[in-house]
N, C-alpha and C. Protein backbone atom coordinates (compact mmCIF):
# COMPACT_ATOMS: atom_id res chain seq x y z
N UNK A 1 0.84 -1.18 0.00
CA UNK A 1 0.00 0.00 0.00
C UNK A 1 0.88 1.24 0.00
N UNK A 2 0.25 2.39 -0.24
CA UNK A 2 0.99 3.64 -0.27
C UNK A 2 1.53 3.96 1.12
N UNK A 3 2.81 4.30 1.16
CA UNK A 3 3.40 4.74 2.42
C UNK A 3 4.26 5.97 2.16
N UNK A 4 4.11 6.95 3.04
CA UNK A 4 4.93 8.15 3.03
C UNK A 4 5.44 8.34 4.45
N UNK A 5 6.74 8.35 4.60
CA UNK A 5 7.33 8.43 5.94
C UNK A 5 8.28 9.62 5.98
N UNK A 6 7.88 10.63 6.75
CA UNK A 6 8.71 11.82 6.89
C UNK A 6 9.71 11.66 8.02
N UNK A 7 10.81 12.36 7.89
CA UNK A 7 11.84 12.37 8.93
C UNK A 7 12.63 13.66 8.84
N UNK A 8 13.43 13.91 9.85
CA UNK A 8 14.34 15.05 9.80
C UNK A 8 13.92 16.26 10.60
N UNK A 9 12.70 16.24 11.13
CA UNK A 9 12.25 17.38 11.91
C UNK A 9 12.98 17.46 13.24
N UNK A 10 12.79 18.58 13.92
CA UNK A 10 13.43 18.77 15.21
C UNK A 10 13.48 20.23 15.58
N UNK A 11 14.37 20.54 16.49
CA UNK A 11 14.54 21.90 16.98
C UNK A 11 15.71 22.56 16.24
N UNK A 12 15.49 23.76 15.76
CA UNK A 12 16.52 24.49 15.05
C UNK A 12 16.42 25.96 15.46
N UNK A 13 17.54 26.62 15.47
CA UNK A 13 17.54 28.04 15.81
C UNK A 13 17.25 28.89 14.58
N UNK A 14 16.70 30.05 14.80
CA UNK A 14 16.51 31.01 13.72
C UNK A 14 17.83 31.22 12.99
N UNK A 15 17.77 31.15 11.66
CA UNK A 15 18.97 31.32 10.87
C UNK A 15 19.75 30.05 10.63
N UNK A 16 19.33 28.96 11.24
CA UNK A 16 20.00 27.69 11.04
C UNK A 16 19.50 27.00 9.78
N UNK A 17 19.62 25.67 9.75
CA UNK A 17 19.13 24.92 8.62
C UNK A 17 18.68 23.54 9.08
N UNK A 18 17.78 22.96 8.29
CA UNK A 18 17.22 21.66 8.59
C UNK A 18 16.82 21.02 7.27
N UNK A 19 16.98 19.71 7.19
CA UNK A 19 16.60 19.01 5.96
C UNK A 19 15.58 17.94 6.31
N UNK A 20 14.41 18.07 5.72
CA UNK A 20 13.35 17.09 5.89
C UNK A 20 13.39 16.10 4.73
N UNK A 21 13.04 14.86 5.03
CA UNK A 21 12.98 13.83 3.99
C UNK A 21 11.67 13.07 4.09
N UNK A 22 11.25 12.56 2.95
CA UNK A 22 10.05 11.73 2.88
C UNK A 22 10.38 10.51 2.03
N UNK A 23 10.26 9.33 2.61
CA UNK A 23 10.48 8.08 1.89
C UNK A 23 9.14 7.56 1.39
N UNK A 24 9.05 7.32 0.11
CA UNK A 24 7.79 6.92 -0.51
C UNK A 24 7.86 5.48 -1.00
N UNK A 25 6.74 4.79 -0.90
CA UNK A 25 6.65 3.43 -1.42
C UNK A 25 5.20 3.10 -1.73
N UNK A 26 5.01 2.06 -2.56
CA UNK A 26 3.67 1.58 -2.83
C UNK A 26 2.94 2.25 -3.98
N UNK A 27 3.63 3.12 -4.72
CA UNK A 27 3.02 3.76 -5.89
C UNK A 27 4.13 4.18 -6.84
N UNK A 28 3.73 4.59 -8.04
CA UNK A 28 4.70 4.99 -9.06
C UNK A 28 5.18 6.42 -8.77
N UNK A 29 6.13 6.52 -7.87
CA UNK A 29 6.62 7.82 -7.38
C UNK A 29 6.99 8.75 -8.53
N UNK A 30 7.64 8.23 -9.54
CA UNK A 30 8.16 9.09 -10.60
C UNK A 30 7.08 9.64 -11.51
N UNK A 31 5.83 9.30 -11.26
CA UNK A 31 4.76 9.78 -12.12
C UNK A 31 3.91 10.86 -11.45
N UNK A 32 4.18 11.17 -10.19
CA UNK A 32 3.33 12.08 -9.44
C UNK A 32 4.03 13.35 -9.02
N UNK A 33 3.28 14.44 -9.04
CA UNK A 33 3.72 15.65 -8.37
C UNK A 33 3.64 15.41 -6.87
N UNK A 34 4.70 15.83 -6.17
CA UNK A 34 4.77 15.65 -4.73
C UNK A 34 4.80 17.00 -4.05
N UNK A 35 4.18 17.06 -2.89
CA UNK A 35 4.07 18.31 -2.14
C UNK A 35 4.66 18.17 -0.75
N UNK A 36 5.17 19.27 -0.24
CA UNK A 36 5.39 19.47 1.19
C UNK A 36 4.34 20.47 1.66
N UNK A 37 3.63 20.11 2.69
CA UNK A 37 2.68 21.02 3.32
C UNK A 37 3.04 21.13 4.79
N UNK A 38 2.45 22.11 5.44
CA UNK A 38 2.68 22.25 6.87
C UNK A 38 1.38 22.67 7.56
N UNK A 39 1.33 22.37 8.82
CA UNK A 39 0.18 22.77 9.63
C UNK A 39 0.69 23.46 10.88
N UNK A 40 0.42 24.73 10.96
CA UNK A 40 0.78 25.49 12.14
C UNK A 40 -0.26 25.25 13.22
N UNK A 41 0.11 25.48 14.48
CA UNK A 41 -0.86 25.28 15.55
C UNK A 41 -2.16 26.05 15.30
N UNK A 42 -3.26 25.36 15.38
CA UNK A 42 -4.59 25.94 15.25
C UNK A 42 -4.85 26.54 13.86
N UNK A 43 -4.10 26.07 12.89
CA UNK A 43 -4.32 26.55 11.52
C UNK A 43 -4.55 25.35 10.59
N UNK A 44 -5.06 25.62 9.41
CA UNK A 44 -5.22 24.56 8.41
C UNK A 44 -3.88 24.29 7.73
N UNK A 45 -3.80 23.14 7.11
CA UNK A 45 -2.59 22.81 6.36
C UNK A 45 -2.44 23.76 5.18
N UNK A 46 -1.18 24.11 4.89
CA UNK A 46 -0.92 24.99 3.77
C UNK A 46 0.25 24.44 2.95
N UNK A 47 0.20 24.71 1.66
CA UNK A 47 1.25 24.24 0.78
C UNK A 47 2.53 25.02 1.03
N UNK A 48 3.63 24.30 1.11
CA UNK A 48 4.95 24.92 1.23
C UNK A 48 5.64 24.92 -0.14
N UNK A 49 5.66 23.76 -0.76
CA UNK A 49 6.33 23.63 -2.05
C UNK A 49 5.84 22.37 -2.75
N UNK A 50 5.96 22.36 -4.06
CA UNK A 50 5.62 21.18 -4.84
C UNK A 50 6.68 20.97 -5.91
N UNK A 51 6.75 19.73 -6.37
CA UNK A 51 7.72 19.40 -7.42
C UNK A 51 7.09 18.37 -8.35
N UNK A 52 7.14 18.66 -9.61
CA UNK A 52 6.59 17.78 -10.62
C UNK A 52 7.54 16.62 -10.89
N UNK A 53 7.06 15.60 -11.59
CA UNK A 53 7.96 14.47 -11.90
C UNK A 53 9.20 14.89 -12.66
N UNK A 54 9.10 15.96 -13.46
CA UNK A 54 10.26 16.40 -14.25
C UNK A 54 11.16 17.37 -13.50
N UNK A 55 10.81 17.65 -12.24
CA UNK A 55 11.66 18.51 -11.43
C UNK A 55 11.25 19.96 -11.36
N UNK A 56 10.22 20.35 -12.07
CA UNK A 56 9.75 21.74 -12.01
C UNK A 56 9.14 21.98 -10.62
N UNK A 57 9.54 23.10 -10.02
CA UNK A 57 9.14 23.37 -8.64
C UNK A 57 8.23 24.58 -8.53
N UNK A 58 7.52 24.63 -7.42
CA UNK A 58 6.65 25.76 -7.12
C UNK A 58 6.71 25.97 -5.62
N UNK A 59 6.74 27.24 -5.19
CA UNK A 59 6.87 27.56 -3.77
C UNK A 59 5.80 28.55 -3.34
N UNK A 60 5.39 28.42 -2.09
CA UNK A 60 4.52 29.41 -1.50
C UNK A 60 5.28 30.73 -1.35
N UNK A 61 4.53 31.83 -1.36
CA UNK A 61 5.17 33.14 -1.27
C UNK A 61 6.00 33.29 0.00
N UNK A 62 5.55 32.68 1.08
CA UNK A 62 6.25 32.89 2.35
C UNK A 62 7.62 32.20 2.38
N UNK A 63 7.88 31.33 1.43
CA UNK A 63 9.19 30.67 1.40
C UNK A 63 10.29 31.69 1.10
N UNK A 64 10.04 32.59 0.18
CA UNK A 64 10.95 33.70 -0.11
C UNK A 64 12.38 33.24 -0.35
N UNK A 65 12.53 32.14 -1.07
CA UNK A 65 13.85 31.67 -1.45
C UNK A 65 14.62 30.95 -0.37
N UNK A 66 14.00 30.68 0.78
CA UNK A 66 14.71 30.07 1.90
C UNK A 66 14.72 28.54 1.85
N UNK A 67 13.72 27.95 1.25
CA UNK A 67 13.58 26.49 1.22
C UNK A 67 13.78 25.99 -0.20
N UNK A 68 14.23 24.73 -0.30
CA UNK A 68 14.40 24.09 -1.60
C UNK A 68 13.80 22.69 -1.55
N UNK A 69 12.87 22.43 -2.45
CA UNK A 69 12.29 21.09 -2.57
C UNK A 69 13.06 20.33 -3.64
N UNK A 70 13.27 19.04 -3.41
CA UNK A 70 13.96 18.22 -4.40
C UNK A 70 13.44 16.79 -4.31
N UNK A 71 13.70 16.03 -5.32
CA UNK A 71 13.26 14.65 -5.34
C UNK A 71 14.31 13.79 -6.01
N UNK A 72 14.35 12.53 -5.61
CA UNK A 72 15.20 11.54 -6.25
C UNK A 72 14.28 10.41 -6.68
N UNK A 73 13.95 10.37 -7.94
CA UNK A 73 12.99 9.37 -8.42
C UNK A 73 13.53 7.95 -8.30
N UNK A 74 14.83 7.79 -8.43
CA UNK A 74 15.42 6.46 -8.31
C UNK A 74 15.33 5.95 -6.87
N UNK A 75 15.59 6.85 -5.92
CA UNK A 75 15.54 6.48 -4.51
C UNK A 75 14.15 6.63 -3.91
N UNK A 76 13.24 7.24 -4.65
CA UNK A 76 11.87 7.44 -4.18
C UNK A 76 11.84 8.29 -2.90
N UNK A 77 12.58 9.37 -2.95
CA UNK A 77 12.62 10.26 -1.80
C UNK A 77 12.30 11.68 -2.22
N UNK A 78 11.70 12.40 -1.28
CA UNK A 78 11.35 13.80 -1.45
C UNK A 78 11.99 14.55 -0.29
N UNK A 79 12.68 15.64 -0.57
CA UNK A 79 13.37 16.39 0.48
C UNK A 79 12.90 17.84 0.50
N UNK A 80 13.10 18.46 1.65
CA UNK A 80 12.88 19.89 1.79
C UNK A 80 14.05 20.45 2.60
N UNK A 81 14.89 21.21 1.94
CA UNK A 81 15.99 21.88 2.62
C UNK A 81 15.48 23.22 3.12
N UNK A 82 15.55 23.40 4.44
CA UNK A 82 15.05 24.63 5.06
C UNK A 82 16.25 25.43 5.55
N UNK A 83 16.47 26.57 4.94
CA UNK A 83 17.54 27.48 5.36
C UNK A 83 16.92 28.75 5.94
N UNK A 84 17.58 29.31 6.93
CA UNK A 84 17.13 30.55 7.55
C UNK A 84 15.67 30.49 8.01
N UNK A 85 15.27 29.43 8.69
CA UNK A 85 13.90 29.39 9.19
C UNK A 85 13.70 30.42 10.29
N UNK A 86 12.47 30.77 10.52
CA UNK A 86 12.10 31.70 11.59
C UNK A 86 11.08 31.00 12.49
N UNK A 87 10.80 31.55 13.65
CA UNK A 87 9.78 30.93 14.52
C UNK A 87 8.42 30.78 13.83
N UNK A 88 8.14 31.61 12.84
CA UNK A 88 6.86 31.48 12.11
C UNK A 88 6.80 30.22 11.26
N UNK A 89 7.92 29.55 11.08
CA UNK A 89 7.95 28.29 10.34
C UNK A 89 7.72 27.08 11.24
N UNK A 90 7.54 27.30 12.53
CA UNK A 90 7.26 26.20 13.45
C UNK A 90 5.93 25.55 13.08
N UNK A 91 5.96 24.24 12.80
CA UNK A 91 4.77 23.54 12.33
C UNK A 91 5.08 22.06 12.20
N UNK A 92 4.05 21.28 11.98
CA UNK A 92 4.22 19.90 11.52
C UNK A 92 4.28 19.92 10.00
N UNK A 93 5.27 19.23 9.44
CA UNK A 93 5.48 19.21 8.00
C UNK A 93 5.13 17.83 7.47
N UNK A 94 4.39 17.84 6.37
CA UNK A 94 3.87 16.61 5.78
C UNK A 94 4.24 16.52 4.31
N UNK A 95 4.50 15.31 3.85
CA UNK A 95 4.57 15.12 2.40
C UNK A 95 3.27 14.50 1.92
N UNK A 96 2.98 14.74 0.68
CA UNK A 96 1.67 14.40 0.13
C UNK A 96 1.80 14.14 -1.37
N UNK A 97 1.02 13.18 -1.84
CA UNK A 97 0.92 12.93 -3.27
C UNK A 97 -0.16 13.85 -3.80
N UNK A 98 0.17 14.75 -4.70
CA UNK A 98 -0.80 15.72 -5.15
C UNK A 98 -2.04 15.05 -5.73
N UNK A 99 -3.19 15.59 -5.35
CA UNK A 99 -4.45 15.10 -5.88
C UNK A 99 -4.97 13.84 -5.22
N UNK A 100 -4.31 13.44 -4.14
CA UNK A 100 -4.76 12.25 -3.41
C UNK A 100 -4.88 12.57 -1.92
N UNK A 101 -5.47 11.65 -1.23
CA UNK A 101 -5.58 11.78 0.22
C UNK A 101 -4.47 11.10 0.97
N UNK A 102 -3.38 10.83 0.30
CA UNK A 102 -2.27 10.13 0.95
C UNK A 102 -1.30 11.13 1.57
N UNK A 103 -1.10 10.96 2.87
CA UNK A 103 -0.22 11.82 3.65
C UNK A 103 0.68 10.95 4.51
N UNK A 104 1.81 11.52 4.87
CA UNK A 104 2.61 10.87 5.88
C UNK A 104 2.10 11.24 7.26
N UNK A 105 2.84 10.80 8.28
CA UNK A 105 2.43 11.08 9.65
C UNK A 105 2.89 12.45 10.11
N UNK A 106 3.75 13.06 9.33
CA UNK A 106 4.25 14.39 9.65
C UNK A 106 5.53 14.34 10.47
N UNK A 107 6.30 15.41 10.38
CA UNK A 107 7.49 15.55 11.21
C UNK A 107 7.50 16.96 11.77
N UNK A 108 7.65 17.11 13.08
CA UNK A 108 7.54 18.43 13.68
C UNK A 108 8.82 19.24 13.57
N UNK A 109 8.66 20.50 13.27
CA UNK A 109 9.78 21.44 13.21
C UNK A 109 9.49 22.58 14.19
N UNK A 110 10.44 22.83 15.06
CA UNK A 110 10.34 23.93 16.00
C UNK A 110 11.53 24.84 15.79
N UNK A 111 11.24 26.11 15.55
CA UNK A 111 12.29 27.08 15.31
C UNK A 111 12.33 28.03 16.50
N UNK A 112 13.46 28.07 17.16
CA UNK A 112 13.59 28.95 18.33
C UNK A 112 14.23 30.28 17.91
N UNK A 113 13.86 31.30 18.64
CA UNK A 113 14.38 32.64 18.33
C UNK A 113 15.68 32.91 19.04
């Protein structure tokens, strides 16, 4: 069955860096657009970034060049490199197969000031 397993979250200081990963299995990874979303406390999930099978990327305005989404179709992994995070980026981060209800369990990111 479809599995998405996120990892890499944790505590990071403002201005630091963190790399999130999502290991995918159970579907044709190289055929789907993949997303990173996040859910801030008491807020709805919001898109952070997406990447098409061919590597074309899209970012939310709030990313402002700080994060980079990437994928390795051979390894079936999706990454999010977070540089210069701020406390406003504190959230649970999820990977998702676009257009489906498949989500991972999330990985928490806490950014301290």
